[in-house]
Amino acid sequence: MQILVVIGRFIFLGLIYLLLFRLLTALLADLRGRGLLAVQPGQEYGCLEVIAGAELLPKGRLVRIDSKGLRIGRGNHNDIVLPDHFASHEHALFRQQKGITMLEDLGSTNGTWVNGERIRSPVQLVAGDYIKIGSVTFQYSRWENESSKFQ
């Protein structure tokens, strides 16, 4: 009889540890999905989708932000060239570091805007953020694997 009680206690403890493990993995997955938890470099990329400004860039265009970063501006040397008189030659820089995407305004005249606020220093982007550069609006999201649909 005593052996059954001991076995029952081990099974009960095992179920408690299994429940705690499942809760922890669900919490970590939710934090990663919201962009609040950094992941291993190279596993996940930032992604910009053109929301408005279709006369300059096609609406719906997706652009990946990888470990090399991404420069946006009016000058031909940028990764994304905006033929927009409201964009500076070197307007903004997106950097990917340890699974976190940072956005920095490069001293542009008209500013870089995140969620309706002008940024004055580098800012960490979170999935769902809206970025306005010149007259083009992007929405930031996370992308977990490489795809040929990126341009």
C-alpha atoms as a PDB file:
ATOM      1  CA  MET A   1       0.000   0.000   0.000  1.00  0.00           C
ATOM      2  CA  GLN A   2       2.805   2.377   0.893  1.00  0.00           C
ATOM      3  CA  ILE A   3       4.468   1.808  -2.502  1.00  0.00           C
ATOM      4  CA  LEU A   4       1.298   2.968  -4.264  1.00  0.00           C
ATOM      5  CA  VAL A   5       1.331   6.221  -2.290  1.00  0.00           C
ATOM      6  CA  VAL A   6       4.984   6.850  -3.247  1.00  0.00           C
ATOM      7  CA  ILE A   7       4.299   6.089  -6.924  1.00  0.00           C
ATOM      8  CA  GLY A   8       1.238   8.360  -6.800  1.00  0.00           C
ATOM      9  CA  ARG A   9       3.335  11.208  -5.401  1.00  0.00           C
ATOM     10  CA  PHE A  10       5.934  10.833  -8.189  1.00  0.00           C
ATOM     11  CA  ILE A  11       3.210  10.852 -10.822  1.00  0.00           C
ATOM     12  CA  PHE A  12       1.640  13.943  -9.221  1.00  0.00           C
ATOM     13  CA  LEU A  13       5.003  15.757  -9.160  1.00  0.00           C
ATOM     14  CA  GLY A  14       5.647  14.758 -12.771  1.00  0.00           C
ATOM     15  CA  LEU A  15       2.294  16.226 -13.836  1.00  0.00           C
ATOM     16  CA  ILE A  16       3.006  19.470 -11.994  1.00  0.00           C
ATOM     17  CA  TYR A  17       6.414  19.805 -13.717  1.00  0.00           C
ATOM     18  CA  LEU A  18       4.823  19.020 -17.089  1.00  0.00           C
ATOM     19  CA  LEU A  19       2.203  21.732 -16.515  1.00  0.00           C
ATOM     20  CA  LEU A  20       4.873  24.280 -15.558  1.00  0.00           C
ATOM     21  CA  PHE A  21       6.946  23.377 -18.626  1.00  0.00           C
ATOM     22  CA  ARG A  22       3.932  23.814 -20.942  1.00  0.00           C
ATOM     23  CA  LEU A  23       3.089  27.187 -19.359  1.00  0.00           C
ATOM     24  CA  LEU A  24       6.677  28.409 -19.776  1.00  0.00           C
ATOM     25  CA  THR A  25       6.917  27.355 -23.435  1.00  0.00           C
ATOM     26  CA  ALA A  26       3.563  29.009 -24.216  1.00  0.00           C
ATOM     27  CA  LEU A  27       4.716  32.229 -22.505  1.00  0.00           C
ATOM     28  CA  LEU A  28       8.009  32.285 -24.432  1.00  0.00           C
ATOM     29  CA  ALA A  29       6.226  31.649 -27.744  1.00  0.00           C
ATOM     30  CA  ASP A  30       3.838  34.533 -27.041  1.00  0.00           C
ATOM     31  CA  LEU A  31       6.696  36.902 -26.183  1.00  0.00           C
ATOM     32  CA  ARG A  32       8.560  35.951 -29.363  1.00  0.00           C
ATOM     33  CA  GLY A  33       5.399  36.437 -31.419  1.00  0.00           C
ATOM     34  CA  ARG A  34       4.990  39.950 -30.064  1.00  0.00           C
ATOM     35  CA  GLY A  35       8.635  40.770 -30.794  1.00  0.00           C
ATOM     36  CA  LEU A  36       9.388  41.332 -27.098  1.00  0.00           C
ATOM     37  CA  LEU A  37      11.894  38.524 -26.727  1.00  0.00           C
ATOM     38  CA  ALA A  38      15.111  38.321 -28.705  1.00  0.00           C
ATOM     39  CA  VAL A  39      15.854  35.103 -30.556  1.00  0.00           C
ATOM     40  CA  GLN A  40      19.080  33.651 -31.913  1.00  0.00           C
ATOM     41  CA  PRO A  41      20.605  35.807 -34.683  1.00  0.00           C
ATOM     42  CA  GLY A  42      19.823  34.519 -38.141  1.00  0.00           C
ATOM     43  CA  GLN A  43      16.623  32.753 -37.081  1.00  0.00           C
ATOM     44  CA  GLU A  44      14.275  35.648 -37.517  1.00  0.00           C
ATOM     45  CA  TYR A  45      14.251  38.738 -39.711  1.00  0.00           C
ATOM     46  CA  GLY A  46      12.488  42.052 -39.674  1.00  0.00           C
ATOM     47  CA  CYS A  47      10.102  42.755 -42.507  1.00  0.00           C
ATOM     48  CA  LEU A  48       8.724  46.010 -43.910  1.00  0.00           C
ATOM     49  CA  GLU A  49       5.511  46.073 -45.906  1.00  0.00           C
ATOM     50  CA  VAL A  50       4.585  49.137 -47.962  1.00  0.00           C
ATOM     51  CA  ILE A  51       1.185  50.327 -46.713  1.00  0.00           C
ATOM     52  CA  ALA A  52       0.873  53.741 -48.389  1.00  0.00           C
ATOM     53  CA  GLY A  53       2.841  55.627 -51.002  1.00  0.00           C
ATOM     54  CA  ALA A  54       1.931  53.437 -53.980  1.00  0.00           C
ATOM     55  CA  GLU A  55       3.048  56.087 -56.468  1.00  0.00           C
ATOM     56  CA  LEU A  56       6.620  55.684 -55.166  1.00  0.00           C
ATOM     57  CA  LEU A  57       6.714  52.003 -54.165  1.00  0.00           C
ATOM     58  CA  PRO A  58       4.124  49.338 -54.975  1.00  0.00           C
ATOM     59  CA  LYS A  59       1.654  48.807 -52.136  1.00  0.00           C
ATOM     60  CA  GLY A  60       2.165  45.417 -50.484  1.00  0.00           C
ATOM     61  CA  ARG A  61       5.878  45.186 -51.369  1.00  0.00           C
ATOM     62  CA  LEU A  62       7.783  43.267 -48.685  1.00  0.00           C
ATOM     63  CA  VAL A  63      11.374  44.092 -47.800  1.00  0.00           C
ATOM     64  CA  ARG A  64      13.443  41.934 -45.456  1.00  0.00           C
ATOM     65  CA  ILE A  65      15.744  43.479 -42.862  1.00  0.00           C
ATOM     66  CA  ASP A  66      18.606  41.055 -42.273  1.00  0.00           C
ATOM     67  CA  SER A  67      21.897  41.211 -40.404  1.00  0.00           C
ATOM     68  CA  LYS A  68      23.392  43.531 -43.068  1.00  0.00           C
ATOM     69  CA  GLY A  69      20.823  46.198 -42.228  1.00  0.00           C
ATOM     70  CA  LEU A  70      18.800  48.335 -44.612  1.00  0.00           C
ATOM     71  CA  ARG A  71      19.325  51.957 -45.694  1.00  0.00           C
ATOM     72  CA  ILE A  72      16.457  54.037 -47.037  1.00  0.00           C
ATOM     73  CA  GLY A  73      16.753  57.409 -48.717  1.00  0.00           C
ATOM     74  CA  ARG A  74      16.664  59.380 -51.939  1.00  0.00           C
ATOM     75  CA  GLY A  75      20.287  58.675 -52.903  1.00  0.00           C
ATOM     76  CA  ASN A  76      21.090  55.899 -55.373  1.00  0.00           C
ATOM     77  CA  HIS A  77      23.473  54.169 -52.924  1.00  0.00           C
ATOM     78  CA  ASN A  78      20.617  53.206 -50.545  1.00  0.00           C
ATOM     79  CA  ASP A  79      19.092  49.721 -50.391  1.00  0.00           C
ATOM     80  CA  ILE A  80      15.650  51.244 -50.975  1.00  0.00           C
ATOM     81  CA  VAL A  81      15.674  54.371 -53.100  1.00  0.00           C
ATOM     82  CA  LEU A  82      12.698  56.671 -52.491  1.00  0.00           C
ATOM     83  CA  PRO A  83      12.209  59.109 -55.376  1.00  0.00           C
ATOM     84  CA  ASP A  84      10.458  61.434 -52.940  1.00  0.00           C
ATOM     85  CA  HIS A  85      11.338  65.094 -52.331  1.00  0.00           C
ATOM     86  CA  PHE A  86      10.275  64.632 -48.657  1.00  0.00           C
ATOM     87  CA  ALA A  87      12.986  61.981 -48.140  1.00  0.00           C
ATOM     88  CA  SER A  88      16.611  62.921 -47.498  1.00  0.00           C
ATOM     89  CA  HIS A  89      19.487  61.416 -49.500  1.00  0.00           C
ATOM     90  CA  GLU A  90      20.407  59.331 -46.453  1.00  0.00           C
ATOM     91  CA  HIS A  91      17.191  59.190 -44.485  1.00  0.00           C
ATOM     92  CA  ALA A  92      17.035  56.137 -42.174  1.00  0.00           C
ATOM     93  CA  LEU A  93      18.920  52.997 -41.207  1.00  0.00           C
ATOM     94  CA  PHE A  94      17.391  49.717 -40.016  1.00  0.00           C
ATOM     95  CA  ARG A  95      19.787  47.438 -38.100  1.00  0.00           C
ATOM     96  CA  GLN A  96      19.197  43.836 -37.057  1.00  0.00           C
ATOM     97  CA  GLN A  97      21.095  42.857 -33.896  1.00  0.00           C
ATOM     98  CA  LYS A  98      20.543  39.639 -31.937  1.00  0.00           C
ATOM     99  CA  GLY A  99      16.980  39.298 -33.212  1.00  0.00           C
ATOM    100  CA  ILE A 100      16.092  42.926 -32.454  1.00  0.00           C
ATOM    101  CA  THR A 101      15.429  45.477 -35.197  1.00  0.00           C
ATOM    102  CA  MET A 102      16.529  49.036 -34.485  1.00  0.00           C
ATOM    103  CA  LEU A 103      15.557  52.089 -36.539  1.00  0.00           C
ATOM    104  CA  GLU A 104      17.718  55.199 -36.625  1.00  0.00           C
ATOM    105  CA  ASP A 105      17.049  58.513 -38.342  1.00  0.00           C
ATOM    106  CA  LEU A 106      20.218  59.663 -40.112  1.00  0.00           C
ATOM    107  CA  GLY A 107      19.659  63.393 -39.579  1.00  0.00           C
ATOM    108  CA  SER A 108      16.907  63.748 -42.161  1.00  0.00           C
ATOM    109  CA  THR A 109      15.225  67.101 -42.690  1.00  0.00           C
ATOM    110  CA  ASN A 110      11.613  65.907 -42.445  1.00  0.00           C
ATOM    111  CA  GLY A 111      12.245  63.197 -39.867  1.00  0.00           C
ATOM    112  CA  THR A 112      11.411  59.543 -39.451  1.00  0.00           C
ATOM    113  CA  TRP A 113       8.124  58.754 -37.737  1.00  0.00           C
ATOM    114  CA  VAL A 114       7.173  55.639 -35.758  1.00  0.00           C
ATOM    115  CA  ASN A 115       3.507  55.273 -34.805  1.00  0.00           C
ATOM    116  CA  GLY A 116       2.916  58.985 -35.390  1.00  0.00           C
ATOM    117  CA  GLU A 117       5.856  60.210 -33.293  1.00  0.00           C
ATOM    118  CA  ARG A 118       9.084  61.637 -34.675  1.00  0.00           C
ATOM    119  CA  ILE A 119      12.108  59.704 -33.455  1.00  0.00           C
ATOM    120  CA  ARG A 120      15.227  61.556 -32.329  1.00  0.00           C
ATOM    121  CA  SER A 121      17.331  58.562 -31.289  1.00  0.00           C
ATOM    122  CA  PRO A 122      17.502  54.886 -32.301  1.00  0.00           C
ATOM    123  CA  VAL A 123      14.316  53.022 -31.422  1.00  0.00           C
ATOM    124  CA  GLN A 124      13.550  49.310 -31.112  1.00  0.00           C
ATOM    125  CA  LEU A 125      10.764  48.208 -33.438  1.00  0.00           C
ATOM    126  CA  VAL A 126       7.939  45.915 -32.362  1.00  0.00           C
ATOM    127  CA  ALA A 127       5.709  43.937 -34.705  1.00  0.00           C
ATOM    128  CA  GLY A 128       2.834  46.137 -35.859  1.00  0.00           C
ATOM    129  CA  ASP A 129       4.737  49.445 -35.733  1.00  0.00           C
ATOM    130  CA  TYR A 130       4.026  51.945 -38.519  1.00  0.00           C
ATOM    131  CA  ILE A 131       7.042  53.769 -39.963  1.00  0.00           C
ATOM    132  CA  LYS A 132       6.681  56.876 -42.117  1.00  0.00           C
ATOM    133  CA  ILE A 133       9.624  57.996 -44.234  1.00  0.00           C
ATOM    134  CA  GLY A 134       8.870  60.856 -46.599  1.00  0.00           C
ATOM    135  CA  SER A 135       5.411  60.141 -47.972  1.00  0.00           C
ATOM    136  CA  VAL A 136       5.756  56.344 -47.752  1.00  0.00           C
ATOM    137  CA  THR A 137       4.312  54.375 -44.833  1.00  0.00           C
ATOM    138  CA  PHE A 138       5.612  50.924 -43.901  1.00  0.00           C
ATOM    139  CA  GLN A 139       4.344  48.407 -41.372  1.00  0.00           C
ATOM    140  CA  TYR A 140       6.968  46.432 -39.479  1.00  0.00           C
ATOM    141  CA  SER A 141       6.568  42.716 -38.760  1.00  0.00           C
ATOM    142  CA  ARG A 142       8.738  39.678 -38.025  1.00  0.00           C
ATOM    143  CA  TRP A 143       9.625  36.996 -40.560  1.00  0.00           C
ATOM    144  CA  GLU A 144      10.990  33.671 -39.319  1.00  0.00           C
ATOM    145  CA  ASN A 145      12.399  32.191 -42.522  1.00  0.00           C
ATOM    146  CA  GLU A 146      13.785  33.339 -45.821  1.00  0.00           C
ATOM    147  CA  SER A 147      11.380  33.569 -48.718  1.00  0.00           C
ATOM    148  CA  SER A 148      11.637  34.425 -52.386  1.00  0.00           C
ATOM    149  CA  LYS A 149       8.834  36.949 -52.094  1.00  0.00           C
ATOM    150  CA  PHE A 150      11.221  39.493 -50.529  1.00  0.00           C
ATOM    151  CA  GLN A 151      12.642  42.130 -52.811  1.00  0.00           C
END
